PDB file of N, CA and C in Angstrom:
ATOM      1  N   MET A   1      98.092 131.664 115.766  1.00  0.00           N
ATOM      2  CA  MET A   1      99.083 132.572 114.449  1.00  0.00           C
ATOM      3  C   MET A   1      98.198 133.769 114.294  1.00  0.00           C
ATOM      4  N   ARG A   2      99.070 134.747 114.271  1.00  0.00           N
ATOM      5  CA  ARG A   2      98.364 135.938 114.070  1.00  0.00           C
ATOM      6  C   ARG A   2      98.719 136.115 112.253  1.00  0.00           C
ATOM      7  N   GLY A   3      97.909 137.130 112.044  1.00  0.00           N
ATOM      8  CA  GLY A   3      97.764 137.111 110.113  1.00  0.00           C
ATOM      9  C   GLY A   3      97.229 136.290 109.278  1.00  0.00           C
ATOM     10  N   GLN A   4      97.191 136.282 108.233  1.00  0.00           N
ATOM     11  CA  GLN A   4      96.931 134.994 107.212  1.00  0.00           C
ATOM     12  C   GLN A   4      98.250 134.377 106.709  1.00  0.00           C
ATOM     13  N   LEU A   5      97.925 133.201 106.518  1.00  0.00           N
ATOM     14  CA  LEU A   5      99.070 132.284 105.969  1.00  0.00           C
ATOM     15  C   LEU A   5      98.753 132.069 104.635  1.00  0.00           C
ATOM     16  N   ARG A   6      99.682 132.498 103.892  1.00  0.00           N
ATOM     17  CA  ARG A   6      99.707 132.132 102.573  1.00  0.00           C
ATOM     18  C   ARG A   6     100.494 131.096 101.962  1.00  0.00           C
ATOM     19  N   ILE A   7      99.850 130.038 101.513  1.00  0.00           N
ATOM     20  CA  ILE A   7     100.410 128.803 101.506  1.00  0.00           C
ATOM     21  C   ILE A   7     101.227 128.871  99.664  1.00  0.00           C
ATOM     22  N   ASP A   8     102.231 128.998  99.493  1.00  0.00           N
ATOM     23  CA  ASP A   8     103.216 129.017  98.617  1.00  0.00           C
ATOM     24  C   ASP A   8     103.692 127.815  97.887  1.00  0.00           C
ATOM     25  N   ARG A   9     103.616 127.140  98.990  1.00  0.00           N
ATOM     26  CA  ARG A   9     104.712 125.280  99.079  1.00  0.00           C
ATOM     27  C   ARG A   9     103.849 124.696  99.862  1.00  0.00           C
ATOM     28  N   LEU A  10     103.807 123.378  99.520  1.00  0.00           N
ATOM     29  CA  LEU A  10     102.712 122.571  99.800  1.00  0.00           C
ATOM     30  C   LEU A  10     103.737 121.038  99.906  1.00  0.00           C
ATOM     31  N   PHE A  11     103.925 120.595 101.255  1.00  0.00           N
ATOM     32  CA  PHE A  11     104.470 119.480 101.621  1.00  0.00           C
ATOM     33  C   PHE A  11     103.852 118.384 101.472  1.00  0.00           C
ATOM     34  N   ALA A  12     104.137 117.063 100.711  1.00  0.00           N
ATOM     35  CA  ALA A  12     103.182 116.099 100.767  1.00  0.00           C
ATOM     36  C   ALA A  12     103.918 114.693 100.931  1.00  0.00           C
ATOM     37  N   PHE A  13     103.591 113.758 101.518  1.00  0.00           N
ATOM     38  CA  PHE A  13     103.779 112.493 101.631  1.00  0.00           C
ATOM     39  C   PHE A  13     103.134 111.346 100.856  1.00  0.00           C
ATOM     40  N   ILE A  14     104.444 110.558  99.741  1.00  0.00           N
ATOM     41  CA  ILE A  14     103.913 110.038  98.443  1.00  0.00           C
ATOM     42  C   ILE A  14     104.611 109.077  98.875  1.00  0.00           C
ATOM     43  N   ALA A  15     103.595 107.781  98.478  1.00  0.00           N
ATOM     44  CA  ALA A  15     103.901 106.311  98.652  1.00  0.00           C
ATOM     45  C   ALA A  15     104.202 105.596  97.558  1.00  0.00           C
ATOM     46  N   LEU A  16     105.176 105.156  96.982  1.00  0.00           N
ATOM     47  CA  LEU A  16     105.136 104.350  95.824  1.00  0.00           C
ATOM     48  C   LEU A  16     104.481 102.988  95.582  1.00  0.00           C
ATOM     49  N   ASP A  17     103.438 102.719  95.128  1.00  0.00           N
ATOM     50  CA  ASP A  17     102.762 101.617  94.830  1.00  0.00           C
ATOM     51  C   ASP A  17     103.850 100.563  93.898  1.00  0.00           C
ATOM     52  N   GLU A  18     102.853  99.182  94.273  1.00  0.00           N
ATOM     53  CA  GLU A  18     103.500  98.257  93.889  1.00  0.00           C
ATOM     54  C   GLU A  18     103.679  97.924  92.179  1.00  0.00           C
ATOM     55  N   ASP A  19     102.951  98.985  91.506  1.00  0.00           N
ATOM     56  CA  ASP A  19     102.777  98.889  90.140  1.00  0.00           C
ATOM     57  C   ASP A  19     103.722 100.092  89.737  1.00  0.00           C
ATOM     58  N   GLY A  20     104.229 100.733  90.450  1.00  0.00           N
ATOM     59  CA  GLY A  20     105.561 101.898  89.915  1.00  0.00           C
ATOM     60  C   GLY A  20     104.885 103.245  89.949  1.00  0.00           C
ATOM     61  N   THR A  21     103.513 103.406  90.571  1.00  0.00           N
ATOM     62  CA  THR A  21     102.801 104.440  90.168  1.00  0.00           C
ATOM     63  C   THR A  21     102.664 105.064  91.977  1.00  0.00           C
ATOM     64  N   GLU A  22     102.746 106.316  91.831  1.00  0.00           N
ATOM     65  CA  GLU A  22     102.728 106.866  93.187  1.00  0.00           C
ATOM     66  C   GLU A  22     101.320 107.425  93.970  1.00  0.00           C
ATOM     67  N   GLY A  23     101.190 107.673  95.081  1.00  0.00           N
ATOM     68  CA  GLY A  23      99.994 108.279  95.755  1.00  0.00           C
ATOM     69  C   GLY A  23     100.101 108.889  97.027  1.00  0.00           C
ATOM     70  N   LEU A  24      99.237 109.947  97.195  1.00  0.00           N
ATOM     71  CA  LEU A  24      99.057 110.739  98.141  1.00  0.00           C
ATOM     72  C   LEU A  24      98.912 109.627  99.553  1.00  0.00           C
ATOM     73  N   ILE A  25      99.658 109.854 100.563  1.00  0.00           N
ATOM     74  CA  ILE A  25      98.995 108.851 101.767  1.00  0.00           C
ATOM     75  C   ILE A  25      98.243 110.089 102.394  1.00  0.00           C
ATOM     76  N   GLY A  26      96.986 108.913 103.034  1.00  0.00           N
ATOM     77  CA  GLY A  26      95.942 109.574 103.877  1.00  0.00           C
ATOM     78  C   GLY A  26      96.249 108.706 105.334  1.00  0.00           C
ATOM     79  N   HIS A  27      95.684 109.318 106.155  1.00  0.00           N
ATOM     80  CA  HIS A  27      95.445 108.610 107.653  1.00  0.00           C
ATOM     81  C   HIS A  27      94.020 108.714 108.401  1.00  0.00           C
ATOM     82  N   TYR A  28      93.287 107.434 108.474  1.00  0.00           N
ATOM     83  CA  TYR A  28      92.279 107.155 108.893  1.00  0.00           C
ATOM     84  C   TYR A  28      92.035 108.064 110.371  1.00  0.00           C
ATOM     85  N   GLN A  29      90.781 108.606 110.601  1.00  0.00           N
ATOM     86  CA  GLN A  29      91.169 109.397 111.643  1.00  0.00           C
ATOM     87  C   GLN A  29      89.491 108.930 112.384  1.00  0.00           C
ATOM     88  N   PRO A  30      90.026 108.875 113.801  1.00  0.00           N
ATOM     89  CA  PRO A  30      88.729 108.338 114.739  1.00  0.00           C
ATOM     90  C   PRO A  30      87.395 108.284 114.248  1.00  0.00           C
ATOM     91  N   ASP A  31      86.909 109.512 113.796  1.00  0.00           N
ATOM     92  CA  ASP A  31      85.487 109.636 113.493  1.00  0.00           C
ATOM     93  C   ASP A  31      85.411 109.527 111.884  1.00  0.00           C
ATOM     94  N   GLY A  32      86.231 108.440 111.624  1.00  0.00           N
ATOM     95  CA  GLY A  32      85.904 108.042 110.571  1.00  0.00           C
ATOM     96  C   GLY A  32      86.424 108.722 108.991  1.00  0.00           C
ATOM     97  N   THR A  33      86.700 109.639 109.048  1.00  0.00           N
ATOM     98  CA  THR A  33      87.252 110.480 107.630  1.00  0.00           C
ATOM     99  C   THR A  33      88.741 110.338 107.509  1.00  0.00           C
ATOM    100  N   TRP A  34      89.272 110.516 106.315  1.00  0.00           N
ATOM    101  CA  TRP A  34      90.212 110.475 106.172  1.00  0.00           C
ATOM    102  C   TRP A  34      90.905 111.907 105.855  1.00  0.00           C
ATOM    103  N   THR A  35      92.326 112.037 106.228  1.00  0.00           N
ATOM    104  CA  THR A  35      93.055 113.211 106.033  1.00  0.00           C
ATOM    105  C   THR A  35      94.423 112.778 105.017  1.00  0.00           C
ATOM    106  N   PRO A  36      94.351 113.709 104.071  1.00  0.00           N
ATOM    107  CA  PRO A  36      95.792 113.713 103.224  1.00  0.00           C
ATOM    108  C   PRO A  36      97.131 114.275 104.242  1.00  0.00           C
ATOM    109  N   LEU A  37      98.017 113.375 104.305  1.00  0.00           N
ATOM    110  CA  LEU A  37      99.193 113.909 105.217  1.00  0.00           C
ATOM    111  C   LEU A  37     100.033 114.840 104.466  1.00  0.00           C
ATOM    112  N   VAL A  38      99.359 115.950 104.001  1.00  0.00           N
ATOM    113  CA  VAL A  38     100.218 117.126 103.486  1.00  0.00           C
ATOM    114  C   VAL A  38     100.236 118.592 104.561  1.00  0.00           C
ATOM    115  N   GLY A  39     101.232 119.010 104.198  1.00  0.00           N
ATOM    116  CA  GLY A  39     101.431 120.447 105.177  1.00  0.00           C
ATOM    117  C   GLY A  39     101.841 121.745 104.314  1.00  0.00           C
ATOM    118  N   ALA A  40     101.982 123.025 104.765  1.00  0.00           N
ATOM    119  CA  ALA A  40     102.045 124.397 104.207  1.00  0.00           C
ATOM    120  C   ALA A  40     103.130 124.702 105.101  1.00  0.00           C
ATOM    121  N   ASP A  41     103.694 124.141 106.191  1.00  0.00           N
ATOM    122  CA  ASP A  41     104.811 124.795 106.806  1.00  0.00           C
ATOM    123  C   ASP A  41     105.483 123.304 107.676  1.00  0.00           C
ATOM    124  N   MET A  42     106.664 123.424 108.088  1.00  0.00           N
ATOM    125  CA  MET A  42     107.420 122.635 108.181  1.00  0.00           C
ATOM    126  C   MET A  42     106.670 122.136 109.805  1.00  0.00           C
ATOM    127  N   ALA A  43     106.314 122.916 110.448  1.00  0.00           N
ATOM    128  CA  ALA A  43     105.766 122.285 111.944  1.00  0.00           C
ATOM    129  C   ALA A  43     104.564 121.185 111.643  1.00  0.00           C
ATOM    130  N   ARG A  44     103.505 121.703 110.826  1.00  0.00           N
ATOM    131  CA  ARG A  44     102.799 120.551 110.631  1.00  0.00           C
ATOM    132  C   ARG A  44     103.427 119.398 109.528  1.00  0.00           C
ATOM    133  N   VAL A  45     104.501 119.140 109.056  1.00  0.00           N
ATOM    134  CA  VAL A  45     104.820 118.229 108.483  1.00  0.00           C
ATOM    135  C   VAL A  45     105.882 117.273 109.576  1.00  0.00           C
ATOM    136  N   ASP A  46     106.742 118.365 110.462  1.00  0.00           N
ATOM    137  CA  ASP A  46     107.025 117.250 111.870  1.00  0.00           C
ATOM    138  C   ASP A  46     106.003 116.673 112.640  1.00  0.00           C
ATOM    139  N   SER A  47     104.991 117.678 112.358  1.00  0.00           N
ATOM    140  CA  SER A  47     103.778 116.658 113.403  1.00  0.00           C
ATOM    141  C   SER A  47     103.277 115.235 112.620  1.00  0.00           C
ATOM    142  N   LEU A  48     103.429 115.089 111.481  1.00  0.00           N
ATOM    143  CA  LEU A  48     103.114 113.910 110.631  1.00  0.00           C
ATOM    144  C   LEU A  48     103.867 113.021 110.424  1.00  0.00           C
ATOM    145  N   ARG A  49     105.093 113.719 110.932  1.00  0.00           N
ATOM    146  CA  ARG A  49     106.247 112.327 110.818  1.00  0.00           C
ATOM    147  C   ARG A  49     106.377 110.747 111.330  1.00  0.00           C
ATOM    148  N   PRO A  50     105.763 110.828 112.560  1.00  0.00           N
ATOM    149  CA  PRO A  50     105.466 109.610 113.161  1.00  0.00           C
ATOM    150  C   PRO A  50     104.543 108.476 112.623  1.00  0.00           C
ATOM    151  N   ILE A  51     103.310 109.501 112.063  1.00  0.00           N
ATOM    152  CA  ILE A  51     102.090 108.469 111.412  1.00  0.00           C
ATOM    153  C   ILE A  51     102.687 108.083 110.463  1.00  0.00           C
ATOM    154  N   VAL A  52     103.853 109.116 109.542  1.00  0.00           N
ATOM    155  CA  VAL A  52     104.254 108.557 108.564  1.00  0.00           C
ATOM    156  C   VAL A  52     105.446 107.389 108.359  1.00  0.00           C
ATOM    157  N   VAL A  53     105.899 107.346 109.549  1.00  0.00           N
ATOM    158  CA  VAL A  53     106.933 106.125 110.045  1.00  0.00           C
ATOM    159  C   VAL A  53     105.895 105.101 110.187  1.00  0.00           C
ATOM    160  N   ASP A  54     104.963 105.109 111.224  1.00  0.00           N
ATOM    161  CA  ASP A  54     103.903 103.882 111.522  1.00  0.00           C
ATOM    162  C   ASP A  54     103.533 103.404 110.375  1.00  0.00           C
ATOM    163  N   ILE A  55     102.950 104.339 109.180  1.00  0.00           N
ATOM    164  CA  ILE A  55     102.378 103.802 107.809  1.00  0.00           C
ATOM    165  C   ILE A  55     103.629 103.096 106.809  1.00  0.00           C
ATOM    166  N   ALA A  56     104.782 103.710 107.108  1.00  0.00           N
ATOM    167  CA  ALA A  56     105.695 102.755 106.447  1.00  0.00           C
ATOM    168  C   ALA A  56     106.196 101.529 106.837  1.00  0.00           C
ATOM    169  N   THR A  57     106.228 101.557 108.070  1.00  0.00           N
ATOM    170  CA  THR A  57     106.678  99.909 109.114  1.00  0.00           C
ATOM    171  C   THR A  57     105.278  99.473 108.780  1.00  0.00           C
ATOM    172  N   GLN A  58     104.105  99.546 108.803  1.00  0.00           N
ATOM    173  CA  GLN A  58     103.239  98.787 108.296  1.00  0.00           C
ATOM    174  C   GLN A  58     102.814  98.363 107.288  1.00  0.00           C
ATOM    175  N   THR A  59     103.132  99.128 106.256  1.00  0.00           N
ATOM    176  CA  THR A  59     102.793  98.649 104.904  1.00  0.00           C
ATOM    177  C   THR A  59     103.871  98.072 104.027  1.00  0.00           C
ATOM    178  N   ASP A  60     105.003  98.413 104.664  1.00  0.00           N
ATOM    179  CA  ASP A  60     106.420  97.873 104.282  1.00  0.00           C
ATOM    180  C   ASP A  60     106.770  98.573 102.671  1.00  0.00           C
ATOM    181  N   ARG A  61     106.149 100.083 102.785  1.00  0.00           N
ATOM    182  CA  ARG A  61     106.057 100.963 101.504  1.00  0.00           C
ATOM    183  C   ARG A  61     107.251 101.907 101.809  1.00  0.00           C
ATOM    184  N   ARG A  62     108.151 102.462 100.949  1.00  0.00           N
ATOM    185  CA  ARG A  62     108.708 103.461 101.056  1.00  0.00           C
ATOM    186  C   ARG A  62     108.089 105.041 100.691  1.00  0.00           C
ATOM    187  N   ILE A  63     108.148 105.931 101.353  1.00  0.00           N
ATOM    188  CA  ILE A  63     107.324 107.116 101.388  1.00  0.00           C
ATOM    189  C   ILE A  63     108.234 108.241 101.523  1.00  0.00           C
ATOM    190  N   THR A  64     108.145 108.873 100.571  1.00  0.00           N
ATOM    191  CA  THR A  64     108.985 110.044 100.155  1.00  0.00           C
ATOM    192  C   THR A  64     108.315 111.590 100.593  1.00  0.00           C
ATOM    193  N   LEU A  65     108.843 112.351 101.450  1.00  0.00           N
ATOM    194  CA  LEU A  65     108.239 113.684 101.412  1.00  0.00           C
ATOM    195  C   LEU A  65     108.814 114.353 100.089  1.00  0.00           C
ATOM    196  N   ALA A  66     107.891 115.185  99.804  1.00  0.00           N
ATOM    197  CA  ALA A  66     107.855 115.962  98.401  1.00  0.00           C
ATOM    198  C   ALA A  66     107.503 117.680  98.769  1.00  0.00           C
ATOM    199  N   VAL A  67     107.998 118.207  98.101  1.00  0.00           N
ATOM    200  CA  VAL A  67     107.767 119.671  98.408  1.00  0.00           C
ATOM    201  C   VAL A  67     107.273 119.892  96.681  1.00  0.00           C
ATOM    202  N   PHE A  68     106.223 121.164  96.689  1.00  0.00           N
ATOM    203  CA  PHE A  68     105.553 121.364  95.762  1.00  0.00           C
ATOM    204  C   PHE A  68     105.544 123.032  95.650  1.00  0.00           C
ATOM    205  N   SER A  69     106.269 123.730  95.027  1.00  0.00           N
ATOM    206  CA  SER A  69     106.343 125.194  95.419  1.00  0.00           C
ATOM    207  C   SER A  69     106.343 126.217  94.294  1.00  0.00           C
ATOM    208  N   ASN A  70     105.350 125.714  92.835  1.00  0.00           N
ATOM    209  CA  ASN A  70     105.195 126.671  91.832  1.00  0.00           C
ATOM    210  C   ASN A  70     103.984 126.400  91.963  1.00  0.00           C
ATOM    211  N   ARG A  71     103.143 127.705  92.471  1.00  0.00           N
ATOM    212  CA  ARG A  71     101.728 128.155  92.585  1.00  0.00           C
ATOM    213  C   ARG A  71     101.285 128.631  91.539  1.00  0.00           C
ATOM    214  N   ASP A  72     100.258 127.950  90.972  1.00  0.00           N
ATOM    215  CA  ASP A  72      99.490 128.877  89.772  1.00  0.00           C
ATOM    216  C   ASP A  72      98.006 128.746  90.527  1.00  0.00           C
ATOM    217  N   ASN A  73      97.225 129.717  90.870  1.00  0.00           N
ATOM    218  CA  ASN A  73      96.030 129.659  90.829  1.00  0.00           C
ATOM    219  C   ASN A  73      95.126 129.358  89.448  1.00  0.00           C
ATOM    220  N   VAL A  74      94.326 128.272  89.634  1.00  0.00           N
ATOM    221  CA  VAL A  74      93.988 127.858  88.429  1.00  0.00           C
ATOM    222  C   VAL A  74      92.106 128.108  88.319  1.00  0.00           C
ATOM    223  N   GLU A  75      91.774 128.645  89.797  1.00  0.00           N
ATOM    224  CA  GLU A  75      90.157 128.765  89.426  1.00  0.00           C
ATOM    225  C   GLU A  75      89.550 129.458  90.988  1.00  0.00           C
ATOM    226  N   THR A  76      88.845 130.418  91.204  1.00  0.00           N
ATOM    227  CA  THR A  76      88.601 130.713  92.561  1.00  0.00           C
ATOM    228  C   THR A  76      87.093 130.656  92.599  1.00  0.00           C
ATOM    229  N   PHE A  77      86.594 130.072  93.370  1.00  0.00           N
ATOM    230  CA  PHE A  77      85.240 130.154  93.923  1.00  0.00           C
ATOM    231  C   PHE A  77      84.967 131.078  94.684  1.00  0.00           C
ATOM    232  N   GLU A  78      83.627 131.814  94.347  1.00  0.00           N
ATOM    233  CA  GLU A  78      83.081 133.129  95.508  1.00  0.00           C
ATOM    234  C   GLU A  78      81.842 132.633  95.796  1.00  0.00           C
ATOM    235  N   PRO A  79      81.268 132.789  96.799  1.00  0.00           N
ATOM    236  CA  PRO A  79      79.738 132.518  97.280  1.00  0.00           C
ATOM    237  C   PRO A  79      79.052 133.634  96.696  1.00  0.00           C
TER     238      PRO A  79
END
């Protein structure tokens, strides 16, 4: 990729829990870390779809793809 990507919207895969609350879906990586299933562009979202389908099937839960597009910078951290 050339240039710098500005994140103006964020796609997130969200599951509906049994108690009616929502939660962000995470995926356990082979190195022992968890990765949230989010992306800033459709290429990333499309690459996550097979993982999401597997999770929905294994957990028998509805998963929704949501987009958040109102960016407000809250705080900036400088070195």
